[in-house]
Amino acid sequence: MPPHEHETNSDPGALQCRRYWGANCTNGGKECDEYPFATTYEGAAEHDYDPEVRKFNFSVKPIPKDDNRAGGNLQQGFYGNNRVIDGDYDGFIVKTVT
């Protein structure tokens, strides 16, 4: 995803993070982490790209900035090494286990 689109994709997540966690949710070196990932079109702005998708179908939580960046770097490395992209809006599914 181009950097300008990544920033646009994370804006709705940041707004919801402040809404649910408070205006000071990023104090103390935190960032709002979004799931599904902000680096995909399945993130907070998915509705902007596909109006048939339910709006606000994502979650956010403030986490330490260093942890968020480390996770993002790992994810970027995975994308770079293991993902075959077929066009600008290539989708994929990620199964999560808690």
PDB file of N, CA and C in Angstrom:
ATOM      1  N   MET A   1       0.855  -1.168   0.000  1.00  0.00           N
ATOM      2  CA  MET A   1       0.000   0.000   0.000  1.00  0.00           C
ATOM      3  C   MET A   1       0.903   1.233   0.000  1.00  0.00           C
ATOM      4  N   PRO A   2       0.651   2.193  -0.886  1.00  0.00           N
ATOM      5  CA  PRO A   2       1.454   3.414  -0.903  1.00  0.00           C
ATOM      6  C   PRO A   2       1.357   4.151   0.426  1.00  0.00           C
ATOM      7  N   PRO A   3       2.439   4.849   0.843  1.00  0.00           N
ATOM      8  CA  PRO A   3       2.444   5.516   2.154  1.00  0.00           C
ATOM      9  C   PRO A   3       1.263   6.455   2.377  1.00  0.00           C
ATOM     10  N   HIS A   4       0.860   7.236   1.363  1.00  0.00           N
ATOM     11  CA  HIS A   4      -0.257   8.165   1.569  1.00  0.00           C
ATOM     12  C   HIS A   4      -1.563   7.419   1.824  1.00  0.00           C
ATOM     13  N   GLU A   5      -1.738   6.259   1.209  1.00  0.00           N
ATOM     14  CA  GLU A   5      -2.946   5.472   1.447  1.00  0.00           C
ATOM     15  C   GLU A   5      -2.898   4.810   2.819  1.00  0.00           C
ATOM     16  N   HIS A   6      -1.696   4.424   3.263  1.00  0.00           N
ATOM     17  CA  HIS A   6      -1.568   3.846   4.609  1.00  0.00           C
ATOM     18  C   HIS A   6      -1.989   4.878   5.655  1.00  0.00           C
ATOM     19  N   GLU A   7      -1.549   6.124   5.494  1.00  0.00           N
ATOM     20  CA  GLU A   7      -1.931   7.169   6.441  1.00  0.00           C
ATOM     21  C   GLU A   7      -3.438   7.398   6.415  1.00  0.00           C
ATOM     22  N   THR A   8      -4.030   7.437   5.224  1.00  0.00           N
ATOM     23  CA  THR A   8      -5.479   7.617   5.109  1.00  0.00           C
ATOM     24  C   THR A   8      -6.207   6.451   5.748  1.00  0.00           C
ATOM     25  N   ASN A   9      -5.685   5.252   5.586  1.00  0.00           N
ATOM     26  CA  ASN A   9      -6.313   4.062   6.137  1.00  0.00           C
ATOM     27  C   ASN A   9      -6.281   4.072   7.660  1.00  0.00           C
ATOM     28  N   SER A  10      -5.264   4.674   8.261  1.00  0.00           N
ATOM     29  CA  SER A  10      -5.163   4.656   9.716  1.00  0.00           C
ATOM     30  C   SER A  10      -5.940   5.794  10.377  1.00  0.00           C
ATOM     31  N   ASP A  11      -6.344   6.820   9.640  1.00  0.00           N
ATOM     32  CA  ASP A  11      -7.087   7.942  10.227  1.00  0.00           C
ATOM     33  C   ASP A  11      -8.373   7.509  10.933  1.00  0.00           C
ATOM     34  N   PRO A  12      -9.239   6.685  10.315  1.00  0.00           N
ATOM     35  CA  PRO A  12     -10.458   6.267  11.017  1.00  0.00           C
ATOM     36  C   PRO A  12     -10.138   5.493  12.294  1.00  0.00           C
ATOM     37  N   GLY A  13      -9.087   4.708  12.268  1.00  0.00           N
ATOM     38  CA  GLY A  13      -8.691   3.963  13.456  1.00  0.00           C
ATOM     39  C   GLY A  13      -8.272   4.881  14.583  1.00  0.00           C
ATOM     40  N   ALA A  14      -7.507   5.908  14.265  1.00  0.00           N
ATOM     41  CA  ALA A  14      -7.061   6.862  15.283  1.00  0.00           C
ATOM     42  C   ALA A  14      -8.256   7.597  15.891  1.00  0.00           C
ATOM     43  N   LEU A  15      -9.225   7.960  15.065  1.00  0.00           N
ATOM     44  CA  LEU A  15     -10.423   8.632  15.583  1.00  0.00           C
ATOM     45  C   LEU A  15     -11.188   7.738  16.552  1.00  0.00           C
ATOM     46  N   GLN A  16     -11.346   6.476  16.190  1.00  0.00           N
ATOM     47  CA  GLN A  16     -12.074   5.550  17.059  1.00  0.00           C
ATOM     48  C   GLN A  16     -11.287   5.224  18.325  1.00  0.00           C
ATOM     49  N   CYS A  17      -9.979   5.212  18.204  1.00  0.00           N
ATOM     50  CA  CYS A  17      -9.148   4.958  19.381  1.00  0.00           C
ATOM     51  C   CYS A  17      -9.386   6.048  20.424  1.00  0.00           C
ATOM     52  N   ARG A  18      -9.377   7.304  19.984  1.00  0.00           N
ATOM     53  CA  ARG A  18      -9.639   8.413  20.905  1.00  0.00           C
ATOM     54  C   ARG A  18     -11.069   8.351  21.442  1.00  0.00           C
ATOM     55  N   ARG A  19     -11.999   7.934  20.601  1.00  0.00           N
ATOM     56  CA  ARG A  19     -13.401   7.857  21.022  1.00  0.00           C
ATOM     57  C   ARG A  19     -13.585   6.854  22.161  1.00  0.00           C
ATOM     58  N   TYR A  20     -12.979   5.666  22.019  1.00  0.00           N
ATOM     59  CA  TYR A  20     -13.197   4.612  23.006  1.00  0.00           C
ATOM     60  C   TYR A  20     -12.202   4.617  24.152  1.00  0.00           C
ATOM     61  N   TRP A  21     -10.983   5.070  23.910  1.00  0.00           N
ATOM     62  CA  TRP A  21      -9.940   5.006  24.933  1.00  0.00           C
ATOM     63  C   TRP A  21      -9.608   6.371  25.526  1.00  0.00           C
ATOM     64  N   GLY A  22     -10.226   7.445  24.990  1.00  0.00           N
ATOM     65  CA  GLY A  22     -10.023   8.772  25.547  1.00  0.00           C
ATOM     66  C   GLY A  22      -9.032   9.607  24.755  1.00  0.00           C
ATOM     67  N   ALA A  23      -9.143  10.914  24.920  1.00  0.00           N
ATOM     68  CA  ALA A  23      -8.319  11.861  24.161  1.00  0.00           C
ATOM     69  C   ALA A  23      -6.824  11.695  24.434  1.00  0.00           C
ATOM     70  N   ASN A  24      -6.478  11.188  25.604  1.00  0.00           N
ATOM     71  CA  ASN A  24      -5.072  11.038  25.977  1.00  0.00           C
ATOM     72  C   ASN A  24      -4.570   9.604  25.819  1.00  0.00           C
ATOM     73  N   CYS A  25      -5.243   8.820  25.003  1.00  0.00           N
ATOM     74  CA  CYS A  25      -4.933   7.390  24.895  1.00  0.00           C
ATOM     75  C   CYS A  25      -3.518   7.106  24.386  1.00  0.00           C
ATOM     76  N   THR A  26      -2.922   8.060  23.698  1.00  0.00           N
ATOM     77  CA  THR A  26      -1.572   7.820  23.185  1.00  0.00           C
ATOM     78  C   THR A  26      -0.496   8.470  24.054  1.00  0.00           C
ATOM     79  N   ASN A  27      -0.883   9.009  25.199  1.00  0.00           N
ATOM     80  CA  ASN A  27       0.128   9.553  26.120  1.00  0.00           C
ATOM     81  C   ASN A  27       1.033   8.433  26.613  1.00  0.00           C
ATOM     82  N   GLY A  28       2.213   8.800  27.032  1.00  0.00           N
ATOM     83  CA  GLY A  28       3.141   7.808  27.573  1.00  0.00           C
ATOM     84  C   GLY A  28       3.785   6.946  26.512  1.00  0.00           C
ATOM     85  N   GLY A  29       3.902   7.465  25.287  1.00  0.00           N
ATOM     86  CA  GLY A  29       4.588   6.724  24.230  1.00  0.00           C
ATOM     87  C   GLY A  29       3.774   5.618  23.590  1.00  0.00           C
ATOM     88  N   LYS A  30       2.457   5.788  23.535  1.00  0.00           N
ATOM     89  CA  LYS A  30       1.607   4.765  22.917  1.00  0.00           C
ATOM     90  C   LYS A  30       1.124   5.212  21.537  1.00  0.00           C
ATOM     91  N   GLU A  31       0.717   4.239  20.745  1.00  0.00           N
ATOM     92  CA  GLU A  31       0.077   4.464  19.447  1.00  0.00           C
ATOM     93  C   GLU A  31      -1.166   3.592  19.394  1.00  0.00           C
ATOM     94  N   CYS A  32      -2.099   3.974  18.548  1.00  0.00           N
ATOM     95  CA  CYS A  32      -3.286   3.147  18.348  1.00  0.00           C
ATOM     96  C   CYS A  32      -2.961   2.046  17.363  1.00  0.00           C
ATOM     97  N   ASP A  33      -3.125   0.823  17.808  1.00  0.00           N
ATOM     98  CA  ASP A  33      -2.928  -0.325  16.941  1.00  0.00           C
ATOM     99  C   ASP A  33      -4.286  -0.757  16.427  1.00  0.00           C
ATOM    100  N   GLU A  34      -4.325  -1.089  15.172  1.00  0.00           N
ATOM    101  CA  GLU A  34      -5.585  -1.414  14.506  1.00  0.00           C
ATOM    102  C   GLU A  34      -5.576  -2.851  14.023  1.00  0.00           C
ATOM    103  N   TYR A  35      -6.709  -3.515  14.155  1.00  0.00           N
ATOM    104  CA  TYR A  35      -6.868  -4.838  13.578  1.00  0.00           C
ATOM    105  C   TYR A  35      -8.233  -4.923  12.925  1.00  0.00           C
ATOM    106  N   PRO A  36      -8.378  -5.383  11.727  1.00  0.00           N
ATOM    107  CA  PRO A  36      -7.338  -5.858  10.834  1.00  0.00           C
ATOM    108  C   PRO A  36      -6.298  -4.780  10.552  1.00  0.00           C
ATOM    109  N   PHE A  37      -5.187  -5.215  10.056  1.00  0.00           N
ATOM    110  CA  PHE A  37      -4.012  -4.367   9.907  1.00  0.00           C
ATOM    111  C   PHE A  37      -4.260  -3.103   9.093  1.00  0.00           C
ATOM    112  N   ALA A  38      -3.696  -2.010   9.544  1.00  0.00           N
ATOM    113  CA  ALA A  38      -3.784  -0.747   8.811  1.00  0.00           C
ATOM    114  C   ALA A  38      -3.051  -0.824   7.478  1.00  0.00           C
ATOM    115  N   THR A  39      -2.145  -1.798   7.323  1.00  0.00           N
ATOM    116  CA  THR A  39      -1.392  -1.918   6.074  1.00  0.00           C
ATOM    117  C   THR A  39      -2.170  -2.633   4.984  1.00  0.00           C
ATOM    118  N   THR A  40      -3.398  -3.024   5.263  1.00  0.00           N
ATOM    119  CA  THR A  40      -4.219  -3.698   4.266  1.00  0.00           C
ATOM    120  C   THR A  40      -5.492  -2.897   4.026  1.00  0.00           C
ATOM    121  N   TYR A  41      -6.144  -3.178   2.943  1.00  0.00           N
ATOM    122  CA  TYR A  41      -7.420  -2.532   2.675  1.00  0.00           C
ATOM    123  C   TYR A  41      -8.543  -3.132   3.517  1.00  0.00           C
ATOM    124  N   GLU A  42      -8.240  -4.152   4.322  1.00  0.00           N
ATOM    125  CA  GLU A  42      -9.230  -4.694   5.234  1.00  0.00           C
ATOM    126  C   GLU A  42      -9.234  -3.942   6.556  1.00  0.00           C
ATOM    127  N   GLY A  43      -8.486  -2.882   6.665  1.00  0.00           N
ATOM    128  CA  GLY A  43      -8.383  -2.110   7.893  1.00  0.00           C
ATOM    129  C   GLY A  43      -9.549  -1.151   8.092  1.00  0.00           C
ATOM    130  N   ALA A  44      -9.326  -0.129   8.899  1.00  0.00           N
ATOM    131  CA  ALA A  44     -10.379   0.800   9.297  1.00  0.00           C
ATOM    132  C   ALA A  44     -11.017   1.526   8.124  1.00  0.00           C
ATOM    133  N   ALA A  45     -10.287   1.737   7.054  1.00  0.00           N
ATOM    134  CA  ALA A  45     -10.819   2.489   5.917  1.00  0.00           C
ATOM    135  C   ALA A  45     -11.368   1.588   4.812  1.00  0.00           C
ATOM    136  N   GLU A  46     -11.549   0.302   5.100  1.00  0.00           N
ATOM    137  CA  GLU A  46     -12.043  -0.613   4.057  1.00  0.00           C
ATOM    138  C   GLU A  46     -13.331  -0.101   3.431  1.00  0.00           C
ATOM    139  N   HIS A  47     -14.205   0.457   4.236  1.00  0.00           N
ATOM    140  CA  HIS A  47     -15.470   0.986   3.723  1.00  0.00           C
ATOM    141  C   HIS A  47     -15.236   2.082   2.681  1.00  0.00           C
ATOM    142  N   ASP A  48     -14.143   2.837   2.804  1.00  0.00           N
ATOM    143  CA  ASP A  48     -13.823   3.886   1.826  1.00  0.00           C
ATOM    144  C   ASP A  48     -13.508   3.303   0.454  1.00  0.00           C
ATOM    145  N   TYR A  49     -13.011   2.058   0.425  1.00  0.00           N
ATOM    146  CA  TYR A  49     -12.642   1.409  -0.833  1.00  0.00           C
ATOM    147  C   TYR A  49     -13.737   0.483  -1.350  1.00  0.00           C
ATOM    148  N   ASP A  50     -14.597   0.033  -0.455  1.00  0.00           N
ATOM    149  CA  ASP A  50     -15.672  -0.885  -0.832  1.00  0.00           C
ATOM    150  C   ASP A  50     -16.925  -0.518  -0.032  1.00  0.00           C
ATOM    151  N   PRO A  51     -17.823   0.278  -0.606  1.00  0.00           N
ATOM    152  CA  PRO A  51     -18.992   0.749   0.133  1.00  0.00           C
ATOM    153  C   PRO A  51     -19.942  -0.360   0.596  1.00  0.00           C
ATOM    154  N   GLU A  52     -19.799  -1.572   0.077  1.00  0.00           N
ATOM    155  CA  GLU A  52     -20.646  -2.676   0.516  1.00  0.00           C
ATOM    156  C   GLU A  52     -20.189  -3.258   1.848  1.00  0.00           C
ATOM    157  N   VAL A  53     -18.998  -2.894   2.280  1.00  0.00           N
ATOM    158  CA  VAL A  53     -18.454  -3.393   3.537  1.00  0.00           C
ATOM    159  C   VAL A  53     -19.022  -2.576   4.687  1.00  0.00           C
ATOM    160  N   ARG A  54     -19.325  -3.249   5.773  1.00  0.00           N
ATOM    161  CA  ARG A  54     -19.858  -2.576   6.954  1.00  0.00           C
ATOM    162  C   ARG A  54     -18.823  -1.593   7.519  1.00  0.00           C
ATOM    163  N   LYS A  55     -19.252  -0.368   7.754  1.00  0.00           N
ATOM    164  CA  LYS A  55     -18.378   0.653   8.302  1.00  0.00           C
ATOM    165  C   LYS A  55     -18.064   0.342   9.769  1.00  0.00           C
ATOM    166  N   PHE A  56     -16.891   0.719  10.231  1.00  0.00           N
ATOM    167  CA  PHE A  56     -16.429   0.510  11.607  1.00  0.00           C
ATOM    168  C   PHE A  56     -16.267  -0.963  11.961  1.00  0.00           C
ATOM    169  N   ASN A  57     -15.903  -1.782  10.995  1.00  0.00           N
ATOM    170  CA  ASN A  57     -15.697  -3.205  11.226  1.00  0.00           C
ATOM    171  C   ASN A  57     -14.211  -3.465  11.508  1.00  0.00           C
ATOM    172  N   PHE A  58     -13.719  -2.924  12.602  1.00  0.00           N
ATOM    173  CA  PHE A  58     -12.323  -3.075  12.988  1.00  0.00           C
ATOM    174  C   PHE A  58     -12.213  -2.797  14.479  1.00  0.00           C
ATOM    175  N   SER A  59     -11.063  -3.088  15.039  1.00  0.00           N
ATOM    176  CA  SER A  59     -10.834  -2.788  16.449  1.00  0.00           C
ATOM    177  C   SER A  59      -9.552  -1.985  16.588  1.00  0.00           C
ATOM    178  N   VAL A  60      -9.454  -1.228  17.683  1.00  0.00           N
ATOM    179  CA  VAL A  60      -8.260  -0.441  17.965  1.00  0.00           C
ATOM    180  C   VAL A  60      -7.952  -0.513  19.452  1.00  0.00           C
ATOM    181  N   LYS A  61      -6.670  -0.382  19.756  1.00  0.00           N
ATOM    182  CA  LYS A  61      -6.249  -0.366  21.151  1.00  0.00           C
ATOM    183  C   LYS A  61      -4.906   0.355  21.244  1.00  0.00           C
ATOM    184  N   PRO A  62      -4.749   1.239  22.225  1.00  0.00           N
ATOM    185  CA  PRO A  62      -3.452   1.873  22.408  1.00  0.00           C
ATOM    186  C   PRO A  62      -2.443   0.861  22.968  1.00  0.00           C
ATOM    187  N   ILE A  63      -1.298   0.778  22.315  1.00  0.00           N
ATOM    188  CA  ILE A  63      -0.223  -0.102  22.785  1.00  0.00           C
ATOM    189  C   ILE A  63       1.081   0.679  22.738  1.00  0.00           C
ATOM    190  N   PRO A  64       2.128   0.217  23.432  1.00  0.00           N
ATOM    191  CA  PRO A  64       3.402   0.931  23.388  1.00  0.00           C
ATOM    192  C   PRO A  64       3.904   1.099  21.947  1.00  0.00           C
ATOM    193  N   LYS A  65       4.357   2.315  21.655  1.00  0.00           N
ATOM    194  CA  LYS A  65       4.795   2.669  20.302  1.00  0.00           C
ATOM    195  C   LYS A  65       5.883   1.722  19.792  1.00  0.00           C
ATOM    196  N   ASP A  66       6.854   1.395  20.641  1.00  0.00           N
ATOM    197  CA  ASP A  66       7.937   0.511  20.214  1.00  0.00           C
ATOM    198  C   ASP A  66       7.417  -0.875  19.835  1.00  0.00           C
ATOM    199  N   ASP A  67       6.450  -1.386  20.592  1.00  0.00           N
ATOM    200  CA  ASP A  67       5.854  -2.688  20.271  1.00  0.00           C
ATOM    201  C   ASP A  67       5.092  -2.626  18.952  1.00  0.00           C
ATOM    202  N   ASN A  68       4.339  -1.541  18.761  1.00  0.00           N
ATOM    203  CA  ASN A  68       3.580  -1.376  17.521  1.00  0.00           C
ATOM    204  C   ASN A  68       4.514  -1.313  16.319  1.00  0.00           C
ATOM    205  N   ARG A  69       5.591  -0.549  16.435  1.00  0.00           N
ATOM    206  CA  ARG A  69       6.558  -0.424  15.332  1.00  0.00           C
ATOM    207  C   ARG A  69       7.268  -1.753  15.065  1.00  0.00           C
ATOM    208  N   ALA A  70       7.643  -2.458  16.124  1.00  0.00           N
ATOM    209  CA  ALA A  70       8.321  -3.751  15.954  1.00  0.00           C
ATOM    210  C   ALA A  70       7.410  -4.738  15.219  1.00  0.00           C
ATOM    211  N   GLY A  71       6.137  -4.779  15.628  1.00  0.00           N
ATOM    212  CA  GLY A  71       5.188  -5.659  14.948  1.00  0.00           C
ATOM    213  C   GLY A  71       4.999  -5.273  13.496  1.00  0.00           C
ATOM    214  N   GLY A  72       4.926  -3.974  13.228  1.00  0.00           N
ATOM    215  CA  GLY A  72       4.794  -3.491  11.853  1.00  0.00           C
ATOM    216  C   GLY A  72       5.998  -3.849  10.996  1.00  0.00           C
ATOM    217  N   ASN A  73       7.190  -3.755  11.574  1.00  0.00           N
ATOM    218  CA  ASN A  73       8.403  -4.117  10.831  1.00  0.00           C
ATOM    219  C   ASN A  73       8.429  -5.606  10.502  1.00  0.00           C
ATOM    220  N   LEU A  74       8.011  -6.437  11.464  1.00  0.00           N
ATOM    221  CA  LEU A  74       7.932  -7.881  11.194  1.00  0.00           C
ATOM    222  C   LEU A  74       6.924  -8.173  10.086  1.00  0.00           C
ATOM    223  N   GLN A  75       5.799  -7.508  10.166  1.00  0.00           N
ATOM    224  CA  GLN A  75       4.752  -7.699   9.160  1.00  0.00           C
ATOM    225  C   GLN A  75       5.243  -7.263   7.781  1.00  0.00           C
ATOM    226  N   GLN A  76       5.922  -6.133   7.708  1.00  0.00           N
ATOM    227  CA  GLN A  76       6.455  -5.649   6.433  1.00  0.00           C
ATOM    228  C   GLN A  76       7.464  -6.636   5.857  1.00  0.00           C
ATOM    229  N   GLY A  77       8.309  -7.199   6.719  1.00  0.00           N
ATOM    230  CA  GLY A  77       9.259  -8.206   6.253  1.00  0.00           C
ATOM    231  C   GLY A  77       8.560  -9.430   5.710  1.00  0.00           C
ATOM    232  N   PHE A  78       7.489  -9.863   6.395  1.00  0.00           N
ATOM    233  CA  PHE A  78       6.719 -11.001   5.911  1.00  0.00           C
ATOM    234  C   PHE A  78       6.122 -10.711   4.543  1.00  0.00           C
ATOM    235  N   TYR A  79       5.505  -9.530   4.402  1.00  0.00           N
ATOM    236  CA  TYR A  79       4.931  -9.154   3.108  1.00  0.00           C
ATOM    237  C   TYR A  79       5.987  -9.186   2.012  1.00  0.00           C
ATOM    238  N   GLY A  80       7.150  -8.614   2.323  1.00  0.00           N
ATOM    239  CA  GLY A  80       8.208  -8.532   1.322  1.00  0.00           C
ATOM    240  C   GLY A  80       8.758  -9.880   0.903  1.00  0.00           C
ATOM    241  N   ASN A  81       8.793 -10.833   1.831  1.00  0.00           N
ATOM    242  CA  ASN A  81       9.396 -12.136   1.544  1.00  0.00           C
ATOM    243  C   ASN A  81       8.417 -13.220   1.134  1.00  0.00           C
ATOM    244  N   ASN A  82       7.173 -13.110   1.516  1.00  0.00           N
ATOM    245  CA  ASN A  82       6.253 -14.236   1.365  1.00  0.00           C
ATOM    246  C   ASN A  82       4.961 -13.959   0.618  1.00  0.00           C
ATOM    247  N   ARG A  83       4.737 -12.761   0.209  1.00  0.00           N
ATOM    248  CA  ARG A  83       3.439 -12.446  -0.392  1.00  0.00           C
ATOM    249  C   ARG A  83       3.577 -12.149  -1.874  1.00  0.00           C
ATOM    250  N   VAL A  84       2.754 -12.798  -2.651  1.00  0.00           N
ATOM    251  CA  VAL A  84       2.655 -12.509  -4.076  1.00  0.00           C
ATOM    252  C   VAL A  84       1.457 -11.588  -4.251  1.00  0.00           C
ATOM    253  N   ILE A  85       1.695 -10.412  -4.758  1.00  0.00           N
ATOM    254  CA  ILE A  85       0.626  -9.438  -4.924  1.00  0.00           C
ATOM    255  C   ILE A  85       0.128  -9.483  -6.359  1.00  0.00           C
ATOM    256  N   ASP A  86      -1.168  -9.599  -6.502  1.00  0.00           N
ATOM    257  CA  ASP A  86      -1.789  -9.677  -7.816  1.00  0.00           C
ATOM    258  C   ASP A  86      -2.668  -8.448  -8.005  1.00  0.00           C
ATOM    259  N   GLY A  87      -2.051  -7.332  -8.347  1.00  0.00           N
ATOM    260  CA  GLY A  87      -2.808  -6.104  -8.564  1.00  0.00           C
ATOM    261  C   GLY A  87      -2.814  -5.207  -7.338  1.00  0.00           C
ATOM    262  N   ASP A  88      -3.334  -4.002  -7.520  1.00  0.00           N
ATOM    263  CA  ASP A  88      -3.313  -2.992  -6.459  1.00  0.00           C
ATOM    264  C   ASP A  88      -4.179  -3.344  -5.262  1.00  0.00           C
ATOM    265  N   TYR A  89      -5.244  -4.111  -5.455  1.00  0.00           N
ATOM    266  CA  TYR A  89      -6.174  -4.387  -4.370  1.00  0.00           C
ATOM    267  C   TYR A  89      -6.256  -5.878  -4.052  1.00  0.00           C
ATOM    268  N   ASP A  90      -5.126  -6.543  -4.120  1.00  0.00           N
ATOM    269  CA  ASP A  90      -5.056  -7.966  -3.838  1.00  0.00           C
ATOM    270  C   ASP A  90      -5.355  -8.223  -2.363  1.00  0.00           C
ATOM    271  N   GLY A  91      -6.345  -9.048  -2.104  1.00  0.00           N
ATOM    272  CA  GLY A  91      -6.713  -9.349  -0.725  1.00  0.00           C
ATOM    273  C   GLY A  91      -6.134 -10.666  -0.254  1.00  0.00           C
ATOM    274  N   PHE A  92      -6.097 -10.873   1.044  1.00  0.00           N
ATOM    275  CA  PHE A  92      -5.664 -12.137   1.621  1.00  0.00           C
ATOM    276  C   PHE A  92      -6.317 -12.271   2.986  1.00  0.00           C
ATOM    277  N   ILE A  93      -6.314 -13.487   3.512  1.00  0.00           N
ATOM    278  CA  ILE A  93      -6.950 -13.769   4.785  1.00  0.00           C
ATOM    279  C   ILE A  93      -5.874 -14.131   5.804  1.00  0.00           C
ATOM    280  N   VAL A  94      -6.005 -13.617   7.009  1.00  0.00           N
ATOM    281  CA  VAL A  94      -5.090 -13.936   8.095  1.00  0.00           C
ATOM    282  C   VAL A  94      -5.906 -14.571   9.216  1.00  0.00           C
ATOM    283  N   LYS A  95      -5.558 -15.786   9.598  1.00  0.00           N
ATOM    284  CA  LYS A  95      -6.239 -16.460  10.688  1.00  0.00           C
ATOM    285  C   LYS A  95      -5.509 -16.111  11.982  1.00  0.00           C
ATOM    286  N   THR A  96      -6.242 -15.688  12.986  1.00  0.00           N
ATOM    287  CA  THR A  96      -5.635 -15.352  14.263  1.00  0.00           C
ATOM    288  C   THR A  96      -6.016 -16.389  15.312  1.00  0.00           C
ATOM    289  N   VAL A  97      -5.106 -16.640  16.202  1.00  0.00           N
ATOM    290  CA  VAL A  97      -5.337 -17.586  17.285  1.00  0.00           C
ATOM    291  C   VAL A  97      -5.017 -16.857  18.579  1.00  0.00           C
ATOM    292  N   THR A  98      -5.931 -16.881  19.517  1.00  0.00           N
ATOM    293  CA  THR A  98      -5.685 -16.193  20.795  1.00  0.00           C
ATOM    294  C   THR A  98      -5.541 -17.174  21.922  1.00  0.00           C
TER     295      THR A  98
END
